[in-house]
Amino acid sequence: MRSLYTLLMGVFLASCAQTPPPSPVVKLKDGELTLAADYKSWPVFLANVQRPDAKQIRDIYINNIGAKAVAGGKFANGTVSVMELYKAKENADGTLSKGADGKLEKGALLKVFVMGKGDGWGESAPAGQKNGDWVYSAYFADGKPSPDPIAACRGCHLPLGDAKDFVHRYDEYFQTRKS
């Protein structure tokens, strides 16, 4: 009986010694976030965001990880947000077309931007442009990667700072969720 015990312990210890170490955490850089094919099934962060200054309308989605965030806190690692930019329709005279509700009307989809957060992500950001652990990617309307300068994304989100976790419309999002 003792030899069977010794044999089993030897097998157990040998299997423990052969267990591979955990794989290293992948640290994404700007431009490396993929565009999830199913993002339109995600919770809506905000819809029909009016940007007459840019002649755009924006729809923003957030994955289930990000949707669990609470007001006053930060978004968890694994959060991904997708923002669609639509051209606002224009009238023949060049003014922006508005619907019966007074809001801009959507035209063609222009671009899609992805913002994601992970442990150590964005470490390769240029000096003074790090937005916490967020990274960014840009896509054309057809889903192909766009060479948009990501520094513009970083520069736009940077002033929001850590208090808003570098997320635009942070307060508006949590106010909308309350109602």
N, C-alpha and C. Protein backbone atom coordinates (compact mmCIF):
# COMPACT_ATOMS: atom_id res chain seq x y z
N MET A 1 0.82 -1.18 0.00
CA MET A 1 0.00 0.00 0.00
C MET A 1 0.87 1.25 0.00
N ARG A 2 1.93 1.23 0.74
CA ARG A 2 2.81 2.38 0.81
C ARG A 2 3.43 2.66 -0.54
N SER A 3 3.79 1.69 -1.30
CA SER A 3 4.39 1.93 -2.60
C SER A 3 3.39 2.55 -3.57
N LEU A 4 2.10 2.19 -3.48
CA LEU A 4 1.08 2.81 -4.33
C LEU A 4 0.94 4.30 -3.96
N TYR A 5 0.95 4.59 -2.67
CA TYR A 5 0.89 5.98 -2.20
C TYR A 5 2.09 6.76 -2.72
N THR A 6 3.27 6.19 -2.61
CA THR A 6 4.49 6.85 -3.08
C THR A 6 4.43 7.07 -4.58
N LEU A 7 3.91 6.11 -5.31
CA LEU A 7 3.78 6.23 -6.75
C LEU A 7 2.81 7.36 -7.11
N LEU A 8 1.65 7.40 -6.45
CA LEU A 8 0.67 8.43 -6.73
C LEU A 8 1.18 9.83 -6.38
N MET A 9 1.87 9.94 -5.26
CA MET A 9 2.44 11.23 -4.88
C MET A 9 3.48 11.68 -5.90
N GLY A 10 4.26 10.75 -6.39
CA GLY A 10 5.27 11.08 -7.41
C GLY A 10 4.62 11.59 -8.69
N VAL A 11 3.53 10.93 -9.10
CA VAL A 11 2.81 11.37 -10.30
C VAL A 11 2.22 12.76 -10.07
N PHE A 12 1.63 12.97 -8.90
CA PHE A 12 1.04 14.26 -8.57
C PHE A 12 2.09 15.37 -8.59
N LEU A 13 3.21 15.15 -7.93
CA LEU A 13 4.27 16.16 -7.88
C LEU A 13 4.86 16.41 -9.27
N ALA A 14 5.00 15.37 -10.06
CA ALA A 14 5.54 15.54 -11.41
C ALA A 14 4.57 16.36 -12.26
N SER A 15 3.26 16.13 -12.10
CA SER A 15 2.29 16.90 -12.90
C SER A 15 2.28 18.37 -12.47
N CYS A 16 2.48 18.62 -11.19
CA CYS A 16 2.55 20.01 -10.72
C CYS A 16 3.76 20.72 -11.30
N ALA A 17 4.86 20.02 -11.36
CA ALA A 17 6.08 20.61 -11.87
C ALA A 17 5.97 20.91 -13.36
N GLN A 18 5.11 20.17 -14.08
CA GLN A 18 4.99 20.35 -15.51
C GLN A 18 3.88 21.34 -15.90
N THR A 19 3.14 21.85 -14.92
CA THR A 19 2.10 22.82 -15.22
C THR A 19 2.75 24.09 -15.72
N PRO A 20 2.37 24.53 -16.91
CA PRO A 20 3.02 25.73 -17.45
C PRO A 20 2.64 26.96 -16.65
N PRO A 21 3.53 27.93 -16.62
CA PRO A 21 3.21 29.18 -15.91
C PRO A 21 2.08 29.89 -16.64
N PRO A 22 1.37 30.77 -15.94
CA PRO A 22 0.30 31.49 -16.61
C PRO A 22 0.85 32.33 -17.76
N SER A 23 0.06 32.45 -18.82
CA SER A 23 0.54 33.22 -19.97
C SER A 23 0.62 34.69 -19.60
N PRO A 24 1.57 35.41 -20.20
CA PRO A 24 1.73 36.82 -19.87
C PRO A 24 0.51 37.62 -20.36
N VAL A 25 0.22 38.69 -19.67
CA VAL A 25 -0.89 39.56 -20.04
C VAL A 25 -0.50 40.32 -21.30
N VAL A 26 -1.38 40.30 -22.28
CA VAL A 26 -1.13 41.02 -23.52
C VAL A 26 -1.42 42.49 -23.27
N LYS A 27 -0.49 43.34 -23.59
CA LYS A 27 -0.65 44.78 -23.42
C LYS A 27 -0.81 45.40 -24.80
N LEU A 28 -2.04 45.78 -25.09
CA LEU A 28 -2.33 46.34 -26.40
C LEU A 28 -1.83 47.77 -26.53
N LYS A 29 -1.59 48.14 -27.77
CA LYS A 29 -1.17 49.50 -28.13
C LYS A 29 -2.27 50.11 -28.98
N ASP A 30 -2.20 51.41 -29.18
CA ASP A 30 -3.14 52.07 -30.08
C ASP A 30 -3.13 51.39 -31.44
N GLY A 31 -4.31 51.24 -32.00
CA GLY A 31 -4.44 50.62 -33.31
C GLY A 31 -4.58 49.11 -33.27
N GLU A 32 -4.43 48.49 -32.10
CA GLU A 32 -4.49 47.03 -32.00
C GLU A 32 -5.84 46.50 -31.51
N LEU A 33 -6.74 47.37 -31.13
CA LEU A 33 -8.08 46.93 -30.72
C LEU A 33 -8.87 46.54 -31.95
N THR A 34 -9.50 45.39 -31.91
CA THR A 34 -10.32 44.98 -33.04
C THR A 34 -11.73 45.51 -32.87
N LEU A 35 -12.43 45.58 -33.96
CA LEU A 35 -13.82 46.01 -33.96
C LEU A 35 -14.68 44.77 -33.85
N ALA A 36 -15.34 44.60 -32.71
CA ALA A 36 -16.18 43.43 -32.49
C ALA A 36 -17.35 43.43 -33.48
N ALA A 37 -17.56 42.31 -34.14
CA ALA A 37 -18.63 42.22 -35.13
C ALA A 37 -20.01 42.41 -34.52
N ASP A 38 -20.16 42.08 -33.25
CA ASP A 38 -21.48 42.13 -32.60
C ASP A 38 -21.69 43.36 -31.72
N TYR A 39 -20.88 44.40 -31.88
CA TYR A 39 -20.95 45.53 -30.94
C TYR A 39 -22.33 46.19 -30.91
N LYS A 40 -23.09 46.11 -31.99
CA LYS A 40 -24.42 46.75 -32.00
C LYS A 40 -25.40 46.03 -31.08
N SER A 41 -25.04 44.82 -30.62
CA SER A 41 -25.90 44.10 -29.67
C SER A 41 -25.53 44.45 -28.22
N TRP A 42 -24.49 45.23 -28.04
CA TRP A 42 -24.05 45.64 -26.70
C TRP A 42 -25.01 46.68 -26.13
N PRO A 43 -24.92 46.92 -24.83
CA PRO A 43 -25.70 48.01 -24.24
C PRO A 43 -25.31 49.35 -24.88
N VAL A 44 -26.30 50.22 -25.00
CA VAL A 44 -26.06 51.55 -25.56
C VAL A 44 -25.49 52.43 -24.46
N PHE A 45 -24.37 53.05 -24.74
CA PHE A 45 -23.78 54.02 -23.82
C PHE A 45 -24.57 55.31 -23.95
N LEU A 46 -24.64 55.84 -25.15
CA LEU A 46 -25.49 57.00 -25.48
C LEU A 46 -25.82 56.90 -26.96
N ALA A 47 -27.02 57.32 -27.32
CA ALA A 47 -27.44 57.27 -28.73
C ALA A 47 -27.84 58.66 -29.20
N ASN A 48 -27.65 58.87 -30.48
CA ASN A 48 -28.07 60.10 -31.14
C ASN A 48 -27.44 61.35 -30.51
N VAL A 49 -26.17 61.26 -30.18
CA VAL A 49 -25.45 62.40 -29.60
C VAL A 49 -25.28 63.45 -30.70
N GLN A 50 -25.83 64.61 -30.46
CA GLN A 50 -25.84 65.70 -31.44
C GLN A 50 -24.54 66.50 -31.39
N ARG A 51 -23.86 66.59 -32.52
CA ARG A 51 -22.64 67.38 -32.63
C ARG A 51 -22.73 68.30 -33.84
N PRO A 52 -23.58 69.34 -33.76
CA PRO A 52 -23.72 70.25 -34.91
C PRO A 52 -22.40 70.94 -35.25
N ASP A 53 -21.55 71.17 -34.25
CA ASP A 53 -20.25 71.80 -34.47
C ASP A 53 -19.37 70.98 -35.41
N ALA A 54 -19.53 69.66 -35.37
CA ALA A 54 -18.74 68.77 -36.22
C ALA A 54 -19.58 68.23 -37.39
N LYS A 55 -20.86 68.67 -37.46
CA LYS A 55 -21.80 68.16 -38.46
C LYS A 55 -21.92 66.65 -38.38
N GLN A 56 -22.05 66.17 -37.13
CA GLN A 56 -22.09 64.73 -36.88
C GLN A 56 -23.14 64.35 -35.85
N ILE A 57 -23.50 63.09 -35.90
CA ILE A 57 -24.33 62.44 -34.90
C ILE A 57 -23.56 61.20 -34.49
N ARG A 58 -23.57 60.91 -33.20
CA ARG A 58 -22.78 59.79 -32.70
C ARG A 58 -23.64 58.83 -31.90
N ASP A 59 -23.38 57.54 -32.13
CA ASP A 59 -23.98 56.47 -31.34
C ASP A 59 -22.83 55.74 -30.67
N ILE A 60 -22.98 55.50 -29.37
CA ILE A 60 -21.89 54.89 -28.60
C ILE A 60 -22.41 53.65 -27.88
N TYR A 61 -21.67 52.57 -28.01
CA TYR A 61 -22.01 51.30 -27.37
C TYR A 61 -20.91 50.95 -26.37
N ILE A 62 -21.26 50.12 -25.38
CA ILE A 62 -20.28 49.68 -24.39
C ILE A 62 -20.51 48.20 -24.12
N ASN A 63 -19.43 47.45 -23.96
CA ASN A 63 -19.61 46.01 -23.72
C ASN A 63 -20.15 45.78 -22.31
N ASN A 64 -20.50 44.54 -22.02
CA ASN A 64 -21.12 44.21 -20.72
C ASN A 64 -20.20 44.49 -19.54
N ILE A 65 -18.91 44.36 -19.73
CA ILE A 65 -17.96 44.66 -18.64
C ILE A 65 -18.08 46.13 -18.28
N GLY A 66 -18.03 47.00 -19.28
CA GLY A 66 -18.12 48.44 -19.04
C GLY A 66 -19.47 48.86 -18.52
N ALA A 67 -20.52 48.17 -18.94
CA ALA A 67 -21.88 48.52 -18.51
C ALA A 67 -22.10 48.28 -17.02
N LYS A 68 -21.20 47.55 -16.39
CA LYS A 68 -21.31 47.27 -14.94
C LYS A 68 -20.69 48.38 -14.09
N ALA A 69 -20.07 49.36 -14.73
CA ALA A 69 -19.43 50.45 -13.99
C ALA A 69 -20.48 51.22 -13.19
N VAL A 70 -20.03 51.82 -12.11
CA VAL A 70 -20.92 52.63 -11.27
C VAL A 70 -20.44 54.08 -11.26
N ALA A 71 -21.40 54.98 -11.14
CA ALA A 71 -21.08 56.41 -11.11
C ALA A 71 -20.08 56.70 -10.01
N GLY A 72 -19.12 57.54 -10.32
CA GLY A 72 -18.09 57.91 -9.36
C GLY A 72 -16.91 56.96 -9.37
N GLY A 73 -17.05 55.83 -10.06
CA GLY A 73 -15.97 54.86 -10.14
C GLY A 73 -15.34 54.84 -11.52
N LYS A 74 -14.44 53.91 -11.69
CA LYS A 74 -13.76 53.76 -12.97
C LYS A 74 -14.33 52.57 -13.71
N PHE A 75 -14.10 52.54 -14.99
CA PHE A 75 -14.48 51.40 -15.79
C PHE A 75 -13.45 50.30 -15.58
N ALA A 76 -13.91 49.07 -15.52
CA ALA A 76 -13.03 47.93 -15.25
C ALA A 76 -12.17 47.60 -16.47
N ASN A 77 -11.03 46.97 -16.18
CA ASN A 77 -10.22 46.43 -17.27
C ASN A 77 -11.10 45.46 -18.06
N GLY A 78 -10.97 45.50 -19.37
CA GLY A 78 -11.81 44.68 -20.23
C GLY A 78 -12.94 45.48 -20.85
N THR A 79 -13.12 46.72 -20.39
CA THR A 79 -14.15 47.59 -20.96
C THR A 79 -13.77 47.97 -22.39
N VAL A 80 -14.75 47.89 -23.28
CA VAL A 80 -14.56 48.33 -24.66
C VAL A 80 -15.77 49.17 -25.03
N SER A 81 -15.51 50.29 -25.65
CA SER A 81 -16.56 51.20 -26.11
C SER A 81 -16.37 51.42 -27.61
N VAL A 82 -17.48 51.47 -28.34
CA VAL A 82 -17.44 51.70 -29.78
C VAL A 82 -18.30 52.92 -30.09
N MET A 83 -17.71 53.85 -30.83
CA MET A 83 -18.43 55.07 -31.20
C MET A 83 -18.55 55.14 -32.72
N GLU A 84 -19.80 55.22 -33.19
CA GLU A 84 -20.07 55.40 -34.61
C GLU A 84 -20.26 56.89 -34.88
N LEU A 85 -19.62 57.41 -35.91
CA LEU A 85 -19.77 58.80 -36.32
C LEU A 85 -20.53 58.85 -37.63
N TYR A 86 -21.69 59.50 -37.60
CA TYR A 86 -22.51 59.66 -38.79
C TYR A 86 -22.45 61.10 -39.25
N LYS A 87 -22.44 61.29 -40.55
CA LYS A 87 -22.52 62.63 -41.12
C LYS A 87 -23.95 63.11 -40.92
N ALA A 88 -24.11 64.35 -40.48
CA ALA A 88 -25.44 64.92 -40.37
C ALA A 88 -25.91 65.29 -41.78
N LYS A 89 -27.17 65.00 -42.07
CA LYS A 89 -27.72 65.34 -43.39
C LYS A 89 -27.77 66.86 -43.53
N GLU A 90 -27.56 67.31 -44.77
CA GLU A 90 -27.60 68.74 -45.04
C GLU A 90 -28.72 69.06 -46.02
N ASN A 91 -29.30 70.23 -45.87
CA ASN A 91 -30.29 70.74 -46.81
C ASN A 91 -29.57 71.26 -48.05
N ALA A 92 -30.33 71.56 -49.09
CA ALA A 92 -29.76 72.06 -50.34
C ALA A 92 -28.96 73.35 -50.13
N ASP A 93 -29.35 74.15 -49.14
CA ASP A 93 -28.64 75.41 -48.88
C ASP A 93 -27.43 75.24 -47.97
N GLY A 94 -27.12 74.00 -47.60
CA GLY A 94 -25.95 73.73 -46.76
C GLY A 94 -26.21 73.72 -45.27
N THR A 95 -27.41 74.13 -44.86
CA THR A 95 -27.74 74.06 -43.43
C THR A 95 -28.01 72.61 -43.05
N LEU A 96 -27.88 72.32 -41.77
CA LEU A 96 -28.09 70.95 -41.31
C LEU A 96 -29.57 70.63 -41.22
N SER A 97 -29.92 69.47 -41.71
CA SER A 97 -31.31 69.02 -41.74
C SER A 97 -31.72 68.52 -40.36
N LYS A 98 -32.91 68.94 -39.95
CA LYS A 98 -33.42 68.53 -38.64
C LYS A 98 -34.78 67.85 -38.82
N GLY A 99 -35.03 66.87 -37.96
CA GLY A 99 -36.30 66.18 -37.98
C GLY A 99 -37.36 66.95 -37.22
N ALA A 100 -38.57 66.38 -37.14
CA ALA A 100 -39.68 67.02 -36.44
C ALA A 100 -39.36 67.26 -34.97
N ASP A 101 -38.44 66.44 -34.42
CA ASP A 101 -38.06 66.59 -33.01
C ASP A 101 -37.00 67.68 -32.81
N GLY A 102 -36.56 68.31 -33.91
CA GLY A 102 -35.56 69.38 -33.82
C GLY A 102 -34.12 68.88 -33.78
N LYS A 103 -33.95 67.57 -33.88
CA LYS A 103 -32.60 67.00 -33.84
C LYS A 103 -32.05 66.76 -35.24
N LEU A 104 -30.73 66.78 -35.32
CA LEU A 104 -30.07 66.49 -36.59
C LEU A 104 -30.47 65.11 -37.09
N GLU A 105 -30.51 64.99 -38.41
CA GLU A 105 -30.84 63.71 -39.02
C GLU A 105 -29.57 63.00 -39.48
N LYS A 106 -29.53 61.69 -39.28
CA LYS A 106 -28.36 60.90 -39.64
C LYS A 106 -28.23 60.73 -41.14
N GLY A 107 -26.99 60.89 -41.58
CA GLY A 107 -26.64 60.58 -42.96
C GLY A 107 -25.81 59.30 -42.95
N ALA A 108 -24.80 59.28 -43.77
CA ALA A 108 -23.95 58.10 -43.92
C ALA A 108 -23.02 57.91 -42.72
N LEU A 109 -22.74 56.66 -42.43
CA LEU A 109 -21.74 56.33 -41.41
C LEU A 109 -20.38 56.72 -41.95
N LEU A 110 -19.63 57.51 -41.18
CA LEU A 110 -18.33 57.99 -41.61
C LEU A 110 -17.19 57.13 -41.10
N LYS A 111 -17.15 56.94 -39.79
CA LYS A 111 -16.05 56.21 -39.14
C LYS A 111 -16.57 55.51 -37.90
N VAL A 112 -15.77 54.59 -37.41
CA VAL A 112 -16.07 53.89 -36.16
C VAL A 112 -14.79 53.91 -35.33
N PHE A 113 -14.90 54.36 -34.09
CA PHE A 113 -13.75 54.41 -33.20
C PHE A 113 -13.97 53.43 -32.04
N VAL A 114 -12.89 52.79 -31.62
CA VAL A 114 -12.95 51.83 -30.53
C VAL A 114 -11.99 52.30 -29.44
N MET A 115 -12.47 52.21 -28.19
CA MET A 115 -11.68 52.61 -27.02
C MET A 115 -11.74 51.44 -26.05
N GLY A 116 -10.60 50.93 -25.64
CA GLY A 116 -10.58 49.79 -24.73
C GLY A 116 -9.61 49.99 -23.59
N LYS A 117 -9.89 49.31 -22.49
CA LYS A 117 -9.08 49.45 -21.28
C LYS A 117 -8.59 48.09 -20.81
N GLY A 118 -7.31 48.03 -20.49
CA GLY A 118 -6.72 46.81 -19.95
C GLY A 118 -5.49 47.13 -19.14
N ASP A 119 -5.13 46.23 -18.27
CA ASP A 119 -3.98 46.43 -17.39
C ASP A 119 -2.71 46.65 -18.20
N GLY A 120 -2.12 47.81 -18.04
CA GLY A 120 -0.87 48.13 -18.73
C GLY A 120 -1.03 48.56 -20.17
N TRP A 121 -2.28 48.64 -20.65
CA TRP A 121 -2.49 49.07 -22.03
C TRP A 121 -2.11 50.55 -22.14
N GLY A 122 -1.70 50.93 -23.28
CA GLY A 122 -1.37 52.33 -23.52
C GLY A 122 -0.03 52.75 -22.96
N GLU A 123 0.75 51.80 -22.46
CA GLU A 123 2.06 52.16 -21.90
C GLU A 123 2.97 52.77 -22.96
N SER A 124 2.69 52.46 -24.22
CA SER A 124 3.52 52.97 -25.30
C SER A 124 3.06 54.35 -25.80
N ALA A 125 2.08 54.92 -25.12
CA ALA A 125 1.59 56.25 -25.52
C ALA A 125 2.72 57.28 -25.42
N PRO A 126 2.70 58.25 -26.33
CA PRO A 126 3.74 59.30 -26.26
C PRO A 126 3.70 60.03 -24.92
N ALA A 127 4.83 60.57 -24.54
CA ALA A 127 4.93 61.31 -23.28
C ALA A 127 3.85 62.39 -23.22
N GLY A 128 3.16 62.45 -22.08
CA GLY A 128 2.13 63.44 -21.87
C GLY A 128 0.79 63.10 -22.51
N GLN A 129 0.68 61.93 -23.15
CA GLN A 129 -0.56 61.55 -23.84
C GLN A 129 -1.22 60.29 -23.26
N LYS A 130 -0.69 59.79 -22.15
CA LYS A 130 -1.25 58.57 -21.55
C LYS A 130 -2.60 58.88 -20.91
N ASN A 131 -3.60 58.11 -21.28
CA ASN A 131 -4.96 58.24 -20.75
C ASN A 131 -5.25 57.03 -19.87
N GLY A 132 -4.61 56.95 -18.74
CA GLY A 132 -4.79 55.77 -17.90
C GLY A 132 -4.37 54.54 -18.68
N ASP A 133 -5.20 53.50 -18.64
CA ASP A 133 -4.91 52.25 -19.35
C ASP A 133 -5.75 52.08 -20.61
N TRP A 134 -6.15 53.19 -21.22
CA TRP A 134 -6.98 53.16 -22.43
C TRP A 134 -6.13 53.17 -23.68
N VAL A 135 -6.61 52.44 -24.71
CA VAL A 135 -6.02 52.50 -26.06
C VAL A 135 -7.16 52.71 -27.05
N TYR A 136 -6.79 53.12 -28.25
CA TYR A 136 -7.77 53.52 -29.26
C TYR A 136 -7.46 52.91 -30.62
N SER A 137 -8.51 52.65 -31.40
CA SER A 137 -8.38 52.21 -32.78
C SER A 137 -9.45 52.91 -33.60
N ALA A 138 -9.21 53.02 -34.90
CA ALA A 138 -10.15 53.68 -35.80
C ALA A 138 -10.42 52.79 -37.00
N TYR A 139 -11.66 52.84 -37.49
CA TYR A 139 -12.09 52.02 -38.62
C TYR A 139 -12.93 52.86 -39.58
N PHE A 140 -12.84 52.51 -40.86
CA PHE A 140 -13.73 53.10 -41.86
C PHE A 140 -15.11 52.49 -41.68
N ALA A 141 -16.11 53.05 -42.33
CA ALA A 141 -17.49 52.56 -42.24
C ALA A 141 -17.60 51.10 -42.66
N ASP A 142 -16.74 50.64 -43.56
CA ASP A 142 -16.79 49.25 -44.02
C ASP A 142 -16.08 48.27 -43.08
N GLY A 143 -15.56 48.78 -41.95
CA GLY A 143 -14.90 47.93 -40.97
C GLY A 143 -13.41 47.74 -41.17
N LYS A 144 -12.86 48.32 -42.21
CA LYS A 144 -11.41 48.21 -42.45
C LYS A 144 -10.69 49.24 -41.59
N PRO A 145 -9.50 48.89 -41.09
CA PRO A 145 -8.75 49.83 -40.25
C PRO A 145 -8.50 51.16 -40.96
N SER A 146 -8.61 52.23 -40.20
CA SER A 146 -8.37 53.57 -40.70
C SER A 146 -7.07 54.09 -40.13
N PRO A 147 -6.31 54.81 -40.92
CA PRO A 147 -5.03 55.35 -40.42
C PRO A 147 -5.19 56.64 -39.62
N ASP A 148 -6.38 56.88 -39.06
CA ASP A 148 -6.59 58.11 -38.30
C ASP A 148 -5.50 58.29 -37.25
N PRO A 149 -5.07 59.52 -37.05
CA PRO A 149 -4.05 59.75 -36.02
C PRO A 149 -4.66 59.60 -34.63
N ILE A 150 -4.24 58.56 -33.93
CA ILE A 150 -4.78 58.25 -32.61
C ILE A 150 -4.39 59.32 -31.59
N ALA A 151 -3.35 60.07 -31.88
CA ALA A 151 -2.95 61.15 -30.97
C ALA A 151 -4.11 62.13 -30.78
N ALA A 152 -4.95 62.29 -31.81
CA ALA A 152 -6.12 63.18 -31.68
C ALA A 152 -7.10 62.62 -30.65
N CYS A 153 -7.29 61.30 -30.63
CA CYS A 153 -8.16 60.66 -29.63
C CYS A 153 -7.60 60.92 -28.24
N ARG A 154 -6.33 60.66 -28.10
CA ARG A 154 -5.68 60.84 -26.79
C ARG A 154 -5.77 62.29 -26.34
N GLY A 155 -5.50 63.21 -27.25
CA GLY A 155 -5.54 64.62 -26.90
C GLY A 155 -6.92 65.09 -26.49
N CYS A 156 -7.96 64.52 -27.09
CA CYS A 156 -9.33 64.89 -26.79
C CYS A 156 -9.78 64.31 -25.43
N HIS A 157 -9.33 63.12 -25.10
CA HIS A 157 -9.73 62.47 -23.85
C HIS A 157 -8.87 62.89 -22.66
N LEU A 158 -7.66 63.33 -22.92
CA LEU A 158 -6.72 63.67 -21.85
C LEU A 158 -7.25 64.70 -20.85
N PRO A 159 -7.89 65.79 -21.29
CA PRO A 159 -8.34 66.80 -20.32
C PRO A 159 -9.40 66.29 -19.34
N LEU A 160 -10.07 65.19 -19.67
CA LEU A 160 -11.10 64.65 -18.77
C LEU A 160 -10.48 64.11 -17.49
N GLY A 161 -9.26 63.66 -17.60
CA GLY A 161 -8.51 63.20 -16.43
C GLY A 161 -9.03 61.94 -15.79
N ASP A 162 -8.36 61.59 -14.74
CA ASP A 162 -8.62 60.36 -14.00
C ASP A 162 -9.99 60.37 -13.32
N ALA A 163 -10.48 61.53 -12.91
CA ALA A 163 -11.77 61.62 -12.20
C ALA A 163 -12.92 61.09 -13.06
N LYS A 164 -12.85 61.28 -14.36
CA LYS A 164 -13.88 60.78 -15.29
C LYS A 164 -13.35 59.58 -16.06
N ASP A 165 -12.24 59.02 -15.61
CA ASP A 165 -11.60 57.86 -16.25
C ASP A 165 -11.38 58.10 -17.74
N PHE A 166 -11.13 59.35 -18.10
CA PHE A 166 -10.82 59.75 -19.47
C PHE A 166 -11.97 59.47 -20.45
N VAL A 167 -13.19 59.35 -19.94
CA VAL A 167 -14.35 58.99 -20.76
C VAL A 167 -15.25 60.21 -20.97
N HIS A 168 -15.45 60.58 -22.24
CA HIS A 168 -16.37 61.67 -22.58
C HIS A 168 -17.79 61.28 -22.22
N ARG A 169 -18.54 62.27 -21.77
CA ARG A 169 -19.95 62.12 -21.43
C ARG A 169 -20.18 61.13 -20.29
N TYR A 170 -19.18 61.03 -19.44
CA TYR A 170 -19.22 60.15 -18.26
C TYR A 170 -20.46 60.45 -17.42
N ASP A 171 -20.63 61.72 -17.03
CA ASP A 171 -21.77 62.10 -16.18
C ASP A 171 -23.10 61.87 -16.89
N GLU A 172 -23.15 62.22 -18.15
CA GLU A 172 -24.39 62.06 -18.94
C GLU A 172 -24.78 60.57 -19.01
N TYR A 173 -23.79 59.71 -19.19
CA TYR A 173 -24.05 58.28 -19.25
C TYR A 173 -24.70 57.78 -17.96
N PHE A 174 -24.13 58.14 -16.83
CA PHE A 174 -24.67 57.65 -15.56
C PHE A 174 -26.01 58.30 -15.22
N GLN A 175 -26.21 59.55 -15.64
CA GLN A 175 -27.52 60.19 -15.45
C GLN A 175 -28.58 59.48 -16.27
N THR A 176 -28.24 59.12 -17.52
CA THR A 176 -29.17 58.42 -18.40
C THR A 176 -29.54 57.06 -17.84
N ARG A 177 -28.57 56.39 -17.24
CA ARG A 177 -28.83 55.05 -16.67
C ARG A 177 -29.78 55.13 -15.48
N LYS A 178 -29.76 56.24 -14.74
CA LYS A 178 -30.63 56.39 -13.56
C LYS A 178 -32.10 56.47 -13.98
N SER A 179 -32.34 57.11 -15.14
CA SER A 179 -33.73 57.32 -15.54
C SER A 179 -34.28 56.19 -16.37
